[in-house]
Amino acid sequence: MKREYWKYVGVASVFLLLGTFLTPILFHTISVQKDINPLIAQGKRDMSPGKSQAVQMEDAFQEVFDKVSPSVVSIATERTVKFKSPMGNDPFFDHFFGGNGGGRPQEFKQKQTGLGSGIILNEEGYILTNEHVVRDMEKLTVKLKNKKTYEAKLIGADKVMDIALLKIKPGSDLVPVQIGDSSKVKVGHWAIAIGAPLGFEQSFTVGVVSAIARGVNDASGVGYLQTDAAINQGNSGGPLLNIHGEVIGINRMIISQSGGFVGIGLAIPINDAKRIVEELKTNGRIKRAWLGVSLDNVTEEDVKELKLPNTKGALVKQVVSGSPAESAGIELQDVIVKIGEKDVEHPEDVVSYIMEAKIGKRVELKVQRKNSMLKMLVTPTERPN
């Protein structure tokens, strides 16, 4: 009986020891399973609990590339430019380069090429890119990931927003991109770029969203998405993506003193871009309201010189002759502090308001002119080309 007793005690001890040893492992396994990166929880790759978070993130990036790269195109551009030799009356130049000998500058022709990126919007063959990629170009060639090339037609372009709409022949090999919602983008979110920087097609770079609604005081009034994902010449017109492979922006430009990427890239929020696509498709251009002023930030020096209360507002630096602003009585060094019902803190506030304003509909302005606060009525006209 004693032998049987100690036998059961021994077995129980073994199970107790195993339980003590296995419990942390069991709970760790459950924890790993619960902590699997939610960014790729819906993916189809191997999600075994033994994978490190680094490998899981690597899988997520690969999934984004596999999903989106067929929707990203390279755009080769070409045009012929004419120029005249400044040495047309130089006998030495004429002798070697075939001058006409009459003292008149000789005309030359040269082929210029460029490269950009774009995204496939739908199976009908519409391609979205930057306007500056295709500006004044005579030939546009779209190249897919599968190496197929298509001659593209320019449907419409908007220089202000820097958006262009192209069209290629519909085909079964066209994979439309998935459009996201740029209003939901937060600082710190993943930011992924795919494009053809410096001609290296289908290049994939990763960073984060560095800022949202970044104003650069340009005519577009756009609050850009800023990212440190590497962007260079050739990325223009390509997508800025979130971790789900959705387009959140169209890469437009970099801020750099050297001309190369230094960590500041700017993308047009996709909500702003898609808002004008239908009008480009229908009319080929965007009709916008226009005041006819050039604006700048108010500096501390301006506050002292113009005796202003603070640096809020938009300082008028230029008034176009014959413009609605001139007709309304706006003058140089006026400071616009309110437009409609919107308080103006920066020039971007005025630009964004006018971008949404109706042509021909009168707008009330509050203008600080040194010690006086003036009310003015201005009627925006259509922005000239």
Protein backbone atom coordinates (compact mmCIF):
# COMPACT_ATOMS: atom_id res chain seq x y z
CA MET A 1 0.00 0.00 0.00
CA LYS A 2 2.83 2.37 0.86
CA ARG A 3 4.51 1.57 -2.43
CA GLU A 4 1.32 2.45 -4.35
CA TYR A 5 0.98 5.64 -2.32
CA TRP A 6 4.47 6.86 -3.16
CA LYS A 7 3.91 5.89 -6.78
CA TYR A 8 0.92 8.25 -7.06
CA VAL A 9 2.77 10.97 -5.20
CA GLY A 10 5.65 10.66 -7.67
CA VAL A 11 3.35 10.89 -10.69
CA ALA A 12 1.59 13.92 -9.21
CA SER A 13 4.94 15.60 -8.58
CA VAL A 14 6.01 15.09 -12.17
CA PHE A 15 2.80 16.70 -13.46
CA LEU A 16 3.19 19.54 -10.98
CA LEU A 17 6.73 20.19 -12.17
CA LEU A 18 5.69 20.01 -15.81
CA GLY A 19 2.84 22.41 -15.13
CA THR A 20 5.20 24.86 -13.44
CA PHE A 21 7.57 24.66 -16.40
CA LEU A 22 4.96 24.75 -19.18
CA THR A 23 2.64 27.43 -17.80
CA PRO A 24 4.88 30.42 -18.74
CA ILE A 25 5.41 28.92 -22.19
CA LEU A 26 1.68 28.41 -22.64
CA PHE A 27 0.86 31.94 -21.56
CA HIS A 28 3.69 33.34 -23.68
CA THR A 29 2.31 31.49 -26.72
CA ILE A 30 -1.16 32.89 -26.09
CA SER A 31 0.34 36.35 -25.62
CA VAL A 32 2.29 36.12 -28.89
CA GLN A 33 -0.83 35.01 -30.72
CA LYS A 34 -2.79 37.93 -29.29
CA ASP A 35 0.00 40.41 -29.97
CA ILE A 36 0.54 39.48 -33.62
CA ASN A 37 0.84 42.75 -35.46
CA PRO A 38 -2.73 43.80 -36.34
CA LEU A 39 -1.44 45.55 -39.45
CA ILE A 40 -1.03 42.18 -41.15
CA ALA A 41 -3.53 40.12 -39.19
CA GLN A 42 -5.65 39.71 -42.33
CA GLY A 43 -2.73 38.70 -44.53
CA LYS A 44 -2.33 35.28 -46.11
CA ARG A 45 1.30 34.74 -45.18
CA ASP A 46 2.59 32.39 -42.51
CA MET A 47 1.49 33.87 -39.20
CA SER A 48 2.99 31.23 -36.92
CA PRO A 49 3.48 32.44 -33.34
CA GLY A 50 7.20 31.75 -33.59
CA LYS A 51 7.72 34.66 -36.02
CA SER A 52 9.32 37.77 -34.62
CA GLN A 53 7.56 41.10 -35.03
CA ALA A 54 10.34 42.18 -37.39
CA VAL A 55 9.63 39.28 -39.71
CA GLN A 56 5.90 39.92 -39.48
CA MET A 57 6.47 43.53 -40.51
CA GLU A 58 8.70 42.36 -43.33
CA ASP A 59 5.81 40.18 -44.52
CA ALA A 60 3.48 43.19 -44.35
CA PHE A 61 5.76 45.27 -46.57
CA GLN A 62 6.04 42.43 -49.07
CA GLU A 63 2.27 42.11 -49.17
CA VAL A 64 1.90 45.83 -49.91
CA PHE A 65 4.38 45.60 -52.77
CA ASP A 66 2.80 42.47 -54.23
CA LYS A 67 -0.64 44.05 -54.01
CA VAL A 68 0.10 47.55 -55.32
CA SER A 69 3.06 47.31 -57.70
CA PRO A 70 0.94 46.06 -60.64
CA SER A 71 -1.08 49.29 -60.28
CA VAL A 72 1.97 51.57 -60.44
CA VAL A 73 3.20 52.65 -63.87
CA SER A 74 6.25 54.41 -65.25
CA ILE A 75 5.58 57.33 -67.60
CA ALA A 76 8.21 58.15 -70.24
CA THR A 77 7.81 61.58 -71.81
CA GLU A 78 9.27 63.11 -74.94
CA ARG A 79 9.24 66.41 -76.78
CA THR A 80 11.28 68.31 -79.36
CA VAL A 81 12.55 71.75 -78.42
CA LYS A 82 13.96 74.39 -80.73
CA PHE A 83 16.68 76.81 -79.82
CA LYS A 84 18.93 79.25 -81.61
CA SER A 85 22.67 79.31 -81.30
CA PRO A 86 23.96 82.45 -79.59
CA MET A 87 27.08 82.12 -81.77
CA GLY A 88 25.39 82.29 -85.16
CA ASN A 89 27.56 85.17 -86.32
CA ASP A 90 30.82 83.54 -85.22
CA PRO A 91 32.80 82.28 -88.28
CA PHE A 92 34.65 79.71 -86.14
CA PHE A 93 31.33 78.26 -84.89
CA ASP A 94 29.88 78.33 -88.43
CA HIS A 95 32.87 76.43 -89.80
CA PHE A 96 32.56 73.54 -87.35
CA PHE A 97 28.81 73.44 -86.76
CA GLY A 98 27.39 74.42 -90.11
CA GLY A 99 26.29 77.99 -89.57
CA ASN A 100 24.54 79.86 -92.34
CA GLY A 101 27.30 82.45 -92.55
CA GLY A 102 24.82 85.27 -92.79
CA GLY A 103 25.24 86.53 -89.28
CA ARG A 104 21.86 85.16 -88.18
CA PRO A 105 21.61 82.69 -85.28
CA GLN A 106 21.08 79.14 -86.53
CA GLU A 107 18.10 77.16 -85.25
CA PHE A 108 18.65 73.73 -83.71
CA LYS A 109 16.29 71.00 -82.62
CA GLN A 110 16.82 68.74 -79.63
CA LYS A 111 14.84 65.88 -78.18
CA GLN A 112 14.07 66.10 -74.46
CA THR A 113 12.92 63.14 -72.42
CA GLY A 114 11.63 62.71 -68.90
CA LEU A 115 10.33 60.06 -66.55
CA GLY A 116 7.66 59.98 -63.89
CA SER A 117 5.24 57.62 -62.20
CA GLY A 118 1.49 57.17 -62.03
CA ILE A 119 -1.30 54.95 -60.76
CA ILE A 120 -4.01 53.00 -62.59
CA LEU A 121 -7.39 54.30 -61.45
CA ASN A 122 -9.67 51.81 -63.17
CA GLU A 123 -9.93 49.14 -65.84
CA GLU A 124 -11.01 51.77 -68.38
CA GLY A 125 -7.36 52.81 -68.58
CA TYR A 126 -7.34 56.11 -66.67
CA ILE A 127 -3.97 57.00 -65.14
CA LEU A 128 -3.38 59.63 -62.45
CA THR A 129 -0.05 61.47 -62.26
CA ASN A 130 1.45 64.93 -61.70
CA GLU A 131 0.86 67.71 -64.20
CA HIS A 132 4.53 68.68 -64.19
CA VAL A 133 5.44 65.16 -65.37
CA VAL A 134 3.54 65.61 -68.64
CA ARG A 135 3.62 69.39 -69.12
CA ASP A 136 4.27 70.44 -72.74
CA MET A 137 5.18 66.88 -73.71
CA GLU A 138 4.39 65.58 -77.21
CA LYS A 139 4.60 61.85 -76.54
CA LEU A 140 3.57 59.93 -73.42
CA THR A 141 4.36 56.24 -72.97
CA VAL A 142 3.01 54.27 -70.03
CA LYS A 143 4.85 51.14 -68.94
CA LEU A 144 3.28 48.54 -66.68
CA LYS A 145 5.04 46.25 -64.24
CA ASN A 146 4.65 43.38 -66.73
CA LYS A 147 6.75 45.45 -69.20
CA LYS A 148 3.83 46.13 -71.55
CA THR A 149 3.82 49.66 -72.93
CA TYR A 150 0.93 51.84 -74.05
CA GLU A 151 0.81 55.19 -75.77
CA ALA A 152 -1.12 57.52 -73.49
CA LYS A 153 -3.45 60.41 -74.26
CA LEU A 154 -3.64 63.46 -72.02
CA ILE A 155 -7.27 63.86 -70.96
CA GLY A 156 -6.87 66.88 -68.73
CA ALA A 157 -4.44 68.64 -66.41
CA ASP A 158 -4.49 71.13 -63.60
CA LYS A 159 -1.29 73.09 -63.07
CA VAL A 160 -2.45 74.61 -59.78
CA MET A 161 -3.01 71.28 -58.04
CA ASP A 162 -0.31 69.59 -60.16
CA ILE A 163 -2.61 66.74 -61.19
CA ALA A 164 -2.97 65.22 -64.67
CA LEU A 165 -5.28 62.54 -66.01
CA LEU A 166 -4.08 60.23 -68.80
CA LYS A 167 -5.81 57.41 -70.63
CA ILE A 168 -4.46 54.26 -72.21
CA LYS A 169 -6.22 51.48 -74.06
CA PRO A 170 -8.24 49.30 -71.65
CA GLY A 171 -6.84 45.83 -71.14
CA SER A 172 -7.25 42.75 -68.99
CA ASP A 173 -3.79 43.35 -67.52
CA LEU A 174 -4.81 46.65 -65.89
CA VAL A 175 -4.97 46.38 -62.09
CA PRO A 176 -6.71 49.39 -60.49
CA VAL A 177 -5.22 50.75 -57.29
CA GLN A 178 -7.16 50.87 -54.04
CA ILE A 179 -7.88 54.44 -52.92
CA GLY A 180 -7.66 55.26 -49.20
CA ASP A 181 -8.91 58.16 -47.09
CA SER A 182 -6.26 60.82 -46.47
CA SER A 183 -8.41 62.47 -43.79
CA LYS A 184 -7.68 59.50 -41.52
CA VAL A 185 -3.90 59.75 -41.86
CA LYS A 186 -2.03 60.49 -38.62
CA VAL A 187 1.53 61.52 -37.89
CA GLY A 188 3.56 58.37 -37.24
CA HIS A 189 1.56 56.16 -39.63
CA TRP A 190 3.59 54.10 -42.05
CA ALA A 191 4.21 55.78 -45.41
CA ILE A 192 5.29 53.73 -48.43
CA ALA A 193 6.29 54.98 -51.87
CA ILE A 194 6.49 53.00 -55.11
CA GLY A 195 7.77 54.60 -58.29
CA ALA A 196 10.65 55.07 -60.70
CA PRO A 197 13.19 57.32 -58.93
CA LEU A 198 16.01 58.27 -61.30
CA GLY A 199 14.62 55.67 -63.72
CA PHE A 200 14.78 52.72 -61.31
CA GLU A 201 11.28 51.34 -61.91
CA GLN A 202 9.20 49.65 -59.23
CA SER A 203 11.39 51.00 -56.41
CA PHE A 204 9.89 50.52 -52.94
CA THR A 205 10.76 52.85 -50.06
CA VAL A 206 9.37 53.01 -46.54
CA GLY A 207 9.08 55.75 -43.94
CA VAL A 208 6.48 57.41 -41.77
CA VAL A 209 4.09 60.32 -42.08
CA SER A 210 6.13 63.20 -40.68
CA ALA A 211 3.36 65.81 -40.77
CA ILE A 212 -0.14 66.35 -42.10
CA ALA A 213 -1.64 69.51 -43.62
CA ARG A 214 1.86 70.86 -44.26
CA GLY A 215 1.50 74.24 -45.97
CA VAL A 216 4.19 75.53 -48.33
CA ASN A 217 2.41 78.72 -49.41
CA ASP A 218 1.87 77.73 -53.04
CA ALA A 219 -1.07 78.49 -55.29
CA SER A 220 -2.72 75.12 -54.67
CA GLY A 221 -3.67 75.80 -51.07
CA VAL A 222 -3.05 72.11 -50.39
CA GLY A 223 -2.09 70.90 -46.93
CA TYR A 224 0.48 68.29 -47.97
CA LEU A 225 1.34 64.98 -46.37
CA GLN A 226 4.99 65.14 -45.35
CA THR A 227 7.00 61.92 -45.28
CA ASP A 228 10.56 60.73 -44.79
CA ALA A 229 10.04 57.82 -47.20
CA ALA A 230 12.75 58.31 -49.83
CA ILE A 231 11.44 60.21 -52.87
CA ASN A 232 13.53 61.40 -55.81
CA GLN A 233 13.05 62.56 -59.40
CA GLY A 234 10.91 59.96 -61.11
CA ASN A 235 8.75 59.32 -58.04
CA SER A 236 6.56 62.26 -59.07
CA GLY A 237 3.01 61.16 -59.72
CA GLY A 238 3.45 57.85 -57.95
CA PRO A 239 1.54 56.73 -54.87
CA LEU A 240 2.16 57.30 -51.20
CA LEU A 241 0.58 54.30 -49.47
CA ASN A 242 -0.50 53.22 -46.02
CA ILE A 243 0.31 49.82 -44.52
CA HIS A 244 -2.89 48.40 -46.03
CA GLY A 245 -1.72 49.19 -49.55
CA GLU A 246 -4.22 52.03 -50.01
CA VAL A 247 -3.22 55.25 -51.76
CA ILE A 248 -3.21 58.16 -49.32
CA GLY A 249 -1.32 60.64 -51.48
CA ILE A 250 0.30 61.45 -54.82
CA ASN A 251 4.02 62.16 -54.44
CA ARG A 252 4.69 65.64 -55.74
CA MET A 253 7.99 67.15 -54.61
CA ILE A 254 10.88 67.22 -52.17
CA ILE A 255 12.28 70.07 -50.10
CA SER A 256 16.04 70.05 -50.54
CA GLN A 257 18.97 72.45 -50.72
CA SER A 258 21.07 69.91 -52.61
CA GLY A 259 18.47 68.80 -55.15
CA GLY A 260 18.51 65.26 -53.76
CA PHE A 261 16.33 63.64 -51.13
CA VAL A 262 17.16 64.77 -47.58
CA GLY A 263 14.15 63.38 -45.72
CA ILE A 264 11.37 65.83 -46.62
CA GLY A 265 8.94 64.64 -49.26
CA LEU A 266 5.50 66.12 -49.90
CA ALA A 267 2.47 64.32 -51.30
CA ILE A 268 -0.91 65.66 -52.41
CA PRO A 269 -3.58 64.08 -50.16
CA ILE A 270 -5.59 61.66 -52.26
CA ASN A 271 -8.89 63.21 -51.11
CA ASP A 272 -7.80 66.50 -52.72
CA ALA A 273 -6.63 64.75 -55.89
CA LYS A 274 -9.69 62.59 -56.47
CA ARG A 275 -11.99 65.58 -55.97
CA ILE A 276 -10.88 67.05 -59.31
CA VAL A 277 -10.52 63.86 -61.34
CA GLU A 278 -14.12 63.79 -62.55
CA GLU A 279 -13.96 67.42 -63.68
CA LEU A 280 -10.73 66.73 -65.56
CA LYS A 281 -12.40 63.75 -67.20
CA THR A 282 -15.37 65.88 -68.26
CA ASN A 283 -13.85 69.28 -69.04
CA GLY A 284 -10.13 68.66 -69.35
CA ARG A 285 -9.41 71.46 -66.89
CA ILE A 286 -10.53 72.90 -63.57
CA LYS A 287 -12.44 76.15 -63.33
CA ARG A 288 -11.39 78.02 -60.20
CA ALA A 289 -12.21 81.27 -58.50
CA TRP A 290 -9.45 83.90 -58.42
CA LEU A 291 -8.68 87.06 -56.47
CA GLY A 292 -5.48 88.20 -58.18
CA VAL A 293 -3.20 88.68 -55.18
CA SER A 294 0.09 87.20 -54.03
CA LEU A 295 0.23 86.54 -50.30
CA ASP A 296 2.89 85.90 -47.69
CA ASN A 297 3.17 85.23 -43.98
CA VAL A 298 3.22 88.16 -41.58
CA THR A 299 6.65 88.42 -39.90
CA GLU A 300 7.71 90.14 -36.69
CA GLU A 301 9.36 92.79 -38.87
CA ASP A 302 6.02 93.38 -40.63
CA VAL A 303 4.33 93.77 -37.25
CA LYS A 304 6.77 96.54 -36.26
CA GLU A 305 6.80 98.27 -39.64
CA LEU A 306 3.05 98.18 -40.27
CA LYS A 307 2.04 98.54 -36.60
CA LEU A 308 0.05 95.32 -36.59
CA PRO A 309 -1.28 93.64 -33.43
CA ASN A 310 0.23 90.20 -34.20
CA THR A 311 1.56 87.94 -36.95
CA LYS A 312 -1.84 86.44 -37.81
CA GLY A 313 -3.20 86.98 -41.29
CA ALA A 314 -2.09 87.00 -44.92
CA LEU A 315 0.12 89.86 -46.10
CA VAL A 316 -0.62 91.15 -49.62
CA LYS A 317 2.67 91.26 -51.54
CA GLN A 318 1.29 91.79 -55.05
CA VAL A 319 -1.98 92.90 -56.65
CA VAL A 320 -2.58 91.95 -60.29
CA SER A 321 -3.71 94.82 -62.48
CA GLY A 322 -7.36 94.48 -63.50
CA SER A 323 -7.98 91.69 -60.97
CA PRO A 324 -10.97 91.35 -58.63
CA ALA A 325 -8.68 92.31 -55.74
CA GLU A 326 -7.71 95.59 -57.40
CA SER A 327 -11.35 96.34 -58.20
CA ALA A 328 -12.25 95.75 -54.54
CA GLY A 329 -9.60 98.24 -53.39
CA ILE A 330 -7.05 95.84 -51.91
CA GLU A 331 -3.59 97.39 -51.69
CA LEU A 332 -0.01 96.27 -51.13
CA GLN A 333 0.82 95.52 -47.48
CA ASP A 334 -2.82 95.03 -46.55
CA VAL A 335 -3.28 92.09 -44.20
CA ILE A 336 -6.31 89.87 -44.79
CA VAL A 337 -7.49 88.71 -41.36
CA LYS A 338 -10.88 87.27 -42.27
CA ILE A 339 -12.51 85.91 -45.44
CA GLY A 340 -16.19 85.07 -45.34
CA GLU A 341 -16.73 83.51 -41.92
CA LYS A 342 -13.19 82.11 -41.74
CA ASP A 343 -10.50 83.70 -39.59
CA VAL A 344 -7.21 83.91 -41.45
CA GLU A 345 -4.07 82.80 -39.60
CA HIS A 346 -1.88 82.08 -42.63
CA PRO A 347 -2.00 82.69 -46.41
CA GLU A 348 -3.07 79.07 -46.92
CA ASP A 349 -6.41 79.92 -45.26
CA VAL A 350 -7.20 82.46 -47.98
CA VAL A 351 -6.01 80.19 -50.78
CA SER A 352 -8.04 77.19 -49.56
CA TYR A 353 -11.17 79.35 -49.16
CA ILE A 354 -10.91 80.78 -52.68
CA MET A 355 -10.22 77.31 -54.09
CA GLU A 356 -13.68 76.30 -52.86
CA ALA A 357 -15.41 79.61 -53.63
CA LYS A 358 -17.93 80.02 -56.43
CA ILE A 359 -17.01 82.14 -59.41
CA GLY A 360 -19.05 85.35 -59.45
CA LYS A 361 -20.25 85.04 -55.84
CA ARG A 362 -19.29 88.06 -53.71
CA VAL A 363 -17.09 87.46 -50.66
CA GLU A 364 -16.55 89.76 -47.68
CA LEU A 365 -13.00 90.42 -46.48
CA LYS A 366 -11.69 91.99 -43.29
CA VAL A 367 -8.44 93.78 -43.99
CA GLN A 368 -5.98 95.32 -41.54
CA ARG A 369 -4.38 98.42 -43.06
CA LYS A 370 -1.95 99.74 -40.47
CA ASN A 371 -4.19 101.05 -37.65
CA SER A 372 -7.46 100.64 -39.53
CA MET A 373 -9.73 97.60 -39.94
CA LEU A 374 -11.56 97.70 -43.28
CA LYS A 375 -14.40 95.65 -44.73
CA MET A 376 -14.25 94.94 -48.44
CA LEU A 377 -16.42 93.06 -50.89
CA VAL A 378 -14.66 91.17 -53.65
CA THR A 379 -16.17 89.12 -56.46
CA PRO A 380 -13.87 86.25 -57.58
CA THR A 381 -13.62 85.64 -61.30
CA GLU A 382 -12.41 82.55 -63.14
CA ARG A 383 -8.69 82.02 -62.71
CA PRO A 384 -6.92 82.83 -65.99
CA ASN A 385 -4.74 80.17 -67.58
